[in-house]
Amino acid sequence: MKEIFEIPLEGEYIKLGQALKAVNIAEDGVDAKYMVLDGLVQVNGETDTRRGRKLFAGDVVDFQEIQIRIVR
């Protein structure tokens, strides 16, 4: 069973690397960069290798047994 986190948006979007740091999956930007580049992170069911990808309300990020939901 996946552990689920929700990140409420403060602005229009949050970047993927920031989302990973916000829920303490990545300690810093370097960790986030390599997790994403190594293909370990999925956005809306597809592997994405762009750490700077913009996430909007409704987007879902999966990393191992963790799911991040972007909410308004």
N, C-alpha and C. Protein backbone atom coordinates (compact mmCIF):
# COMPACT_ATOMS: atom_id res chain seq x y z
N MET A 1 0.83 -1.18 0.00
CA MET A 1 0.00 0.00 0.00
C MET A 1 0.88 1.25 0.00
N LYS A 2 0.55 2.18 -0.86
CA LYS A 2 1.36 3.38 -1.00
C LYS A 2 1.07 4.38 0.11
N GLU A 3 2.13 5.07 0.53
CA GLU A 3 1.98 6.19 1.44
C GLU A 3 1.63 7.40 0.58
N ILE A 4 0.58 8.13 0.94
CA ILE A 4 0.10 9.22 0.11
C ILE A 4 0.31 10.56 0.81
N PHE A 5 0.88 11.50 0.07
CA PHE A 5 1.07 12.87 0.54
C PHE A 5 0.30 13.79 -0.39
N GLU A 6 -0.24 14.85 0.16
CA GLU A 6 -0.88 15.87 -0.67
C GLU A 6 -0.12 17.18 -0.50
N ILE A 7 0.16 17.82 -1.62
CA ILE A 7 0.82 19.13 -1.59
C ILE A 7 -0.17 20.16 -2.12
N PRO A 8 -0.61 21.06 -1.25
CA PRO A 8 -1.50 22.13 -1.73
C PRO A 8 -0.67 23.20 -2.45
N LEU A 9 -1.13 23.59 -3.60
CA LEU A 9 -0.43 24.61 -4.36
C LEU A 9 -0.60 25.98 -3.72
N GLU A 10 0.49 26.73 -3.66
CA GLU A 10 0.43 28.11 -3.19
C GLU A 10 0.32 29.05 -4.38
N GLY A 11 0.88 28.63 -5.49
CA GLY A 11 0.82 29.40 -6.72
C GLY A 11 0.14 28.58 -7.79
N GLU A 12 0.54 28.81 -9.04
CA GLU A 12 -0.07 28.10 -10.16
C GLU A 12 0.45 26.66 -10.28
N TYR A 13 1.73 26.45 -9.91
CA TYR A 13 2.36 25.14 -10.05
C TYR A 13 3.49 24.99 -9.04
N ILE A 14 4.02 23.74 -8.95
CA ILE A 14 5.23 23.45 -8.19
C ILE A 14 6.09 22.58 -9.11
N LYS A 15 7.39 22.75 -9.05
CA LYS A 15 8.28 21.94 -9.89
C LYS A 15 8.48 20.58 -9.24
N LEU A 16 8.74 19.59 -10.08
CA LEU A 16 8.89 18.21 -9.64
C LEU A 16 9.95 18.08 -8.54
N GLY A 17 11.11 18.66 -8.73
CA GLY A 17 12.17 18.59 -7.72
C GLY A 17 11.73 19.19 -6.39
N GLN A 18 10.99 20.29 -6.45
CA GLN A 18 10.49 20.93 -5.23
C GLN A 18 9.49 20.03 -4.52
N ALA A 19 8.65 19.35 -5.29
CA ALA A 19 7.66 18.45 -4.70
C ALA A 19 8.35 17.29 -3.98
N LEU A 20 9.40 16.75 -4.57
CA LEU A 20 10.13 15.65 -3.94
C LEU A 20 10.77 16.11 -2.63
N LYS A 21 11.28 17.33 -2.61
CA LYS A 21 11.87 17.87 -1.39
C LYS A 21 10.80 18.19 -0.35
N ALA A 22 9.64 18.65 -0.78
CA ALA A 22 8.57 19.07 0.13
C ALA A 22 8.08 17.93 1.01
N VAL A 23 8.11 16.71 0.50
CA VAL A 23 7.65 15.56 1.30
C VAL A 23 8.82 14.72 1.81
N ASN A 24 10.02 15.31 1.77
CA ASN A 24 11.24 14.69 2.30
C ASN A 24 11.65 13.39 1.64
N ILE A 25 11.31 13.23 0.36
CA ILE A 25 11.81 12.08 -0.40
C ILE A 25 13.26 12.37 -0.79
N ALA A 26 13.52 13.61 -1.18
CA ALA A 26 14.86 14.05 -1.55
C ALA A 26 15.34 15.05 -0.50
N GLU A 27 16.60 14.90 -0.08
CA GLU A 27 17.15 15.82 0.92
C GLU A 27 17.41 17.19 0.33
N ASP A 28 17.83 17.20 -0.94
CA ASP A 28 18.15 18.48 -1.57
C ASP A 28 17.95 18.35 -3.08
N GLY A 29 18.26 19.42 -3.79
CA GLY A 29 18.07 19.44 -5.23
C GLY A 29 18.91 18.41 -5.96
N VAL A 30 20.08 18.12 -5.45
CA VAL A 30 20.96 17.14 -6.09
C VAL A 30 20.33 15.75 -6.01
N ASP A 31 19.83 15.39 -4.83
CA ASP A 31 19.14 14.10 -4.67
C ASP A 31 17.97 14.01 -5.64
N ALA A 32 17.16 15.07 -5.68
CA ALA A 32 15.99 15.09 -6.57
C ALA A 32 16.42 14.92 -8.02
N LYS A 33 17.47 15.61 -8.40
CA LYS A 33 17.96 15.56 -9.78
C LYS A 33 18.28 14.12 -10.19
N TYR A 34 19.02 13.42 -9.36
CA TYR A 34 19.44 12.06 -9.73
C TYR A 34 18.30 11.06 -9.65
N MET A 35 17.37 11.25 -8.72
CA MET A 35 16.20 10.37 -8.67
C MET A 35 15.41 10.48 -9.97
N VAL A 36 15.25 11.71 -10.43
CA VAL A 36 14.48 11.96 -11.65
C VAL A 36 15.25 11.48 -12.87
N LEU A 37 16.53 11.85 -12.97
CA LEU A 37 17.35 11.44 -14.13
C LEU A 37 17.50 9.93 -14.24
N ASP A 38 17.50 9.23 -13.10
CA ASP A 38 17.63 7.78 -13.11
C ASP A 38 16.32 7.08 -13.46
N GLY A 39 15.27 7.87 -13.73
CA GLY A 39 14.00 7.28 -14.15
C GLY A 39 13.21 6.63 -13.03
N LEU A 40 13.45 7.06 -11.79
CA LEU A 40 12.78 6.46 -10.65
C LEU A 40 11.44 7.11 -10.31
N VAL A 41 11.14 8.21 -10.99
CA VAL A 41 9.94 8.99 -10.66
C VAL A 41 8.97 8.98 -11.84
N GLN A 42 7.70 8.77 -11.53
CA GLN A 42 6.67 8.82 -12.56
C GLN A 42 5.71 9.96 -12.26
N VAL A 43 5.28 10.64 -13.32
CA VAL A 43 4.28 11.68 -13.21
C VAL A 43 3.09 11.26 -14.06
N ASN A 44 1.95 11.16 -13.42
CA ASN A 44 0.72 10.73 -14.10
C ASN A 44 0.92 9.41 -14.87
N GLY A 45 1.67 8.48 -14.23
CA GLY A 45 1.84 7.15 -14.80
C GLY A 45 2.95 7.00 -15.82
N GLU A 46 3.68 8.08 -16.11
CA GLU A 46 4.77 8.02 -17.09
C GLU A 46 6.07 8.50 -16.48
N THR A 47 7.16 7.80 -16.79
CA THR A 47 8.47 8.23 -16.31
C THR A 47 8.81 9.58 -16.90
N ASP A 48 9.28 10.48 -16.04
CA ASP A 48 9.65 11.82 -16.49
C ASP A 48 11.04 12.12 -15.96
N THR A 49 11.93 12.57 -16.83
CA THR A 49 13.31 12.85 -16.43
C THR A 49 13.59 14.34 -16.35
N ARG A 50 12.55 15.15 -16.22
CA ARG A 50 12.73 16.60 -16.11
C ARG A 50 12.45 17.04 -14.67
N ARG A 51 13.50 17.35 -13.95
CA ARG A 51 13.37 17.78 -12.56
C ARG A 51 12.55 19.07 -12.47
N GLY A 52 12.64 19.91 -13.49
CA GLY A 52 11.94 21.18 -13.50
C GLY A 52 10.53 21.10 -14.04
N ARG A 53 10.03 19.90 -14.29
CA ARG A 53 8.67 19.76 -14.82
C ARG A 53 7.68 20.46 -13.88
N LYS A 54 6.79 21.21 -14.47
CA LYS A 54 5.78 21.91 -13.69
C LYS A 54 4.62 20.96 -13.38
N LEU A 55 4.26 20.91 -12.11
CA LEU A 55 3.14 20.09 -11.66
C LEU A 55 1.98 21.00 -11.30
N PHE A 56 0.81 20.65 -11.77
CA PHE A 56 -0.39 21.44 -11.53
C PHE A 56 -1.38 20.62 -10.71
N ALA A 57 -2.42 21.27 -10.21
CA ALA A 57 -3.45 20.57 -9.44
C ALA A 57 -3.97 19.39 -10.25
N GLY A 58 -4.06 18.24 -9.60
CA GLY A 58 -4.53 17.02 -10.26
C GLY A 58 -3.41 16.09 -10.68
N ASP A 59 -2.17 16.59 -10.75
CA ASP A 59 -1.04 15.74 -11.12
C ASP A 59 -0.71 14.79 -9.97
N VAL A 60 -0.21 13.61 -10.33
CA VAL A 60 0.15 12.58 -9.35
C VAL A 60 1.57 12.12 -9.63
N VAL A 61 2.40 12.12 -8.59
CA VAL A 61 3.80 11.70 -8.70
C VAL A 61 3.96 10.41 -7.91
N ASP A 62 4.62 9.42 -8.52
CA ASP A 62 4.88 8.16 -7.84
C ASP A 62 6.38 7.92 -7.76
N PHE A 63 6.83 7.52 -6.57
CA PHE A 63 8.22 7.13 -6.34
C PHE A 63 8.18 5.95 -5.38
N GLN A 64 8.57 4.79 -5.86
CA GLN A 64 8.54 3.56 -5.08
C GLN A 64 7.17 3.40 -4.42
N GLU A 65 7.09 3.35 -3.11
CA GLU A 65 5.82 3.15 -2.41
C GLU A 65 5.21 4.46 -1.92
N ILE A 66 5.60 5.56 -2.54
CA ILE A 66 5.11 6.88 -2.14
C ILE A 66 4.39 7.53 -3.31
N GLN A 67 3.26 8.15 -3.00
CA GLN A 67 2.52 8.89 -4.02
C GLN A 67 2.29 10.31 -3.52
N ILE A 68 2.53 11.26 -4.40
CA ILE A 68 2.32 12.68 -4.09
C ILE A 68 1.19 13.17 -4.99
N ARG A 69 0.19 13.76 -4.36
CA ARG A 69 -0.91 14.34 -5.13
C ARG A 69 -0.86 15.85 -5.00
N ILE A 70 -0.93 16.50 -6.13
CA ILE A 70 -0.91 17.96 -6.15
C ILE A 70 -2.36 18.44 -6.10
N VAL A 71 -2.67 19.24 -5.08
CA VAL A 71 -4.05 19.68 -4.89
C VAL A 71 -4.13 21.21 -4.84
N ARG A 72 -5.31 21.70 -5.05
CA ARG A 72 -5.57 23.15 -4.99
C ARG A 72 -5.89 23.54 -3.59
